[in-house]
Amino acid sequence: MKAQAPAKAETPAKTPPKAPAQTVVAKQPAQGGAAPAPLEKQRPGRTLHAYYWDFFKRLGNECNRTWRGELAAAALVAAGSYMDDL
């Protein structure tokens, strides 16, 4: 009979300790029935001009990214319209 080697005890893989969960504490509104601050006071410096500036920047970026597809679609529509008139 062969002698069996003693089985090695399996050790679990070492994992780093978990960081404690971060909690979010909601701020309670001031007592006395104070109304929430108007939008102008919540976001200072955010004007109508800045809103439209950001809007047109995003529109420009989107048009720059998709112009080839839009040009191809317009060419197909134009060709289809031209062929329909023949």
Protein backbone atom coordinates (compact mmCIF):
# COMPACT_ATOMS: atom_id res chain seq x y z
CA MET A 1 0.00 0.00 0.00
CA LYS A 2 1.10 3.47 -0.79
CA ALA A 3 1.24 6.02 1.94
CA GLN A 4 -0.82 9.07 1.14
CA ALA A 5 0.64 12.48 1.65
CA PRO A 6 -1.28 14.59 4.15
CA ALA A 7 -3.76 16.90 2.41
CA LYS A 8 -2.85 20.53 2.48
CA ALA A 9 -5.42 22.74 4.15
CA GLU A 10 -6.87 25.14 1.64
CA THR A 11 -6.41 28.73 2.66
CA PRO A 12 -8.90 31.25 1.36
CA ALA A 13 -7.54 33.99 -0.87
CA LYS A 14 -6.64 37.06 1.06
CA THR A 15 -8.90 39.99 0.27
CA PRO A 16 -8.30 43.52 1.38
CA PRO A 17 -10.60 44.73 4.13
CA LYS A 18 -13.68 46.53 2.91
CA ALA A 19 -13.82 50.26 3.35
CA PRO A 20 -16.68 51.45 5.52
CA ALA A 21 -19.76 52.47 3.53
CA GLN A 22 -20.16 56.17 3.06
CA THR A 23 -23.45 57.58 4.14
CA VAL A 24 -25.13 60.65 2.80
CA VAL A 25 -26.65 62.91 5.37
CA ALA A 26 -29.48 65.08 4.09
CA LYS A 27 -29.45 68.63 5.34
CA GLN A 28 -32.63 69.58 7.08
CA PRO A 29 -34.27 72.83 5.99
CA ALA A 30 -34.00 75.73 8.36
CA GLN A 31 -36.76 75.82 10.92
CA GLY A 32 -39.36 78.54 10.73
CA GLY A 33 -40.92 77.59 7.40
CA ALA A 34 -38.24 79.22 5.25
CA ALA A 35 -38.92 78.82 1.52
CA PRO A 36 -36.23 77.25 -0.67
CA ALA A 37 -33.75 79.67 -2.20
CA PRO A 38 -34.67 80.94 -5.66
CA LEU A 39 -32.84 79.42 -8.62
CA GLU A 40 -30.71 82.54 -9.11
CA LYS A 41 -29.24 82.17 -5.64
CA GLN A 42 -28.65 78.42 -5.96
CA ARG A 43 -26.55 78.71 -9.12
CA PRO A 44 -24.76 82.04 -9.21
CA GLY A 45 -23.27 83.06 -12.55
CA ARG A 46 -25.66 80.87 -14.55
CA THR A 47 -27.32 83.34 -16.87
CA LEU A 48 -29.48 82.93 -19.93
CA HIS A 49 -26.47 83.86 -22.07
CA ALA A 50 -24.39 81.07 -20.48
CA TYR A 51 -27.21 78.58 -21.02
CA TYR A 52 -27.46 79.36 -24.73
CA TRP A 53 -23.68 79.43 -25.07
CA ASP A 54 -23.49 75.87 -23.69
CA PHE A 55 -26.46 74.81 -25.84
CA PHE A 56 -24.87 76.02 -29.08
CA LYS A 57 -21.48 74.55 -28.16
CA ARG A 58 -23.12 71.17 -27.68
CA LEU A 59 -25.12 71.56 -30.89
CA GLY A 60 -21.94 72.43 -32.79
CA ASN A 61 -20.11 69.41 -31.39
CA GLU A 62 -23.01 67.13 -32.32
CA CYS A 63 -23.24 68.54 -35.86
CA ASN A 64 -19.49 68.17 -36.30
CA ARG A 65 -19.67 64.55 -35.16
CA THR A 66 -22.61 63.54 -37.40
CA TRP A 67 -22.24 65.69 -40.52
CA ARG A 68 -21.24 62.84 -42.86
CA GLY A 69 -24.31 60.79 -42.08
CA GLU A 70 -26.57 63.81 -42.41
CA LEU A 71 -24.99 64.71 -45.76
CA ALA A 72 -25.47 61.16 -47.04
CA ALA A 73 -29.12 61.15 -45.93
CA ALA A 74 -29.73 64.51 -47.62
CA ALA A 75 -28.09 63.26 -50.83
CA LEU A 76 -30.31 60.16 -50.83
CA VAL A 77 -33.46 62.24 -50.33
CA ALA A 78 -32.41 64.66 -53.07
CA ALA A 79 -31.63 61.79 -55.46
CA GLY A 80 -34.95 60.14 -54.66
CA SER A 81 -36.82 63.38 -55.28
CA TYR A 82 -35.00 63.89 -58.57
CA MET A 83 -35.68 60.32 -59.74
CA ASP A 84 -39.36 60.65 -58.83
CA ASP A 85 -39.74 63.65 -61.16
CA LEU A 86 -38.35 61.78 -64.17
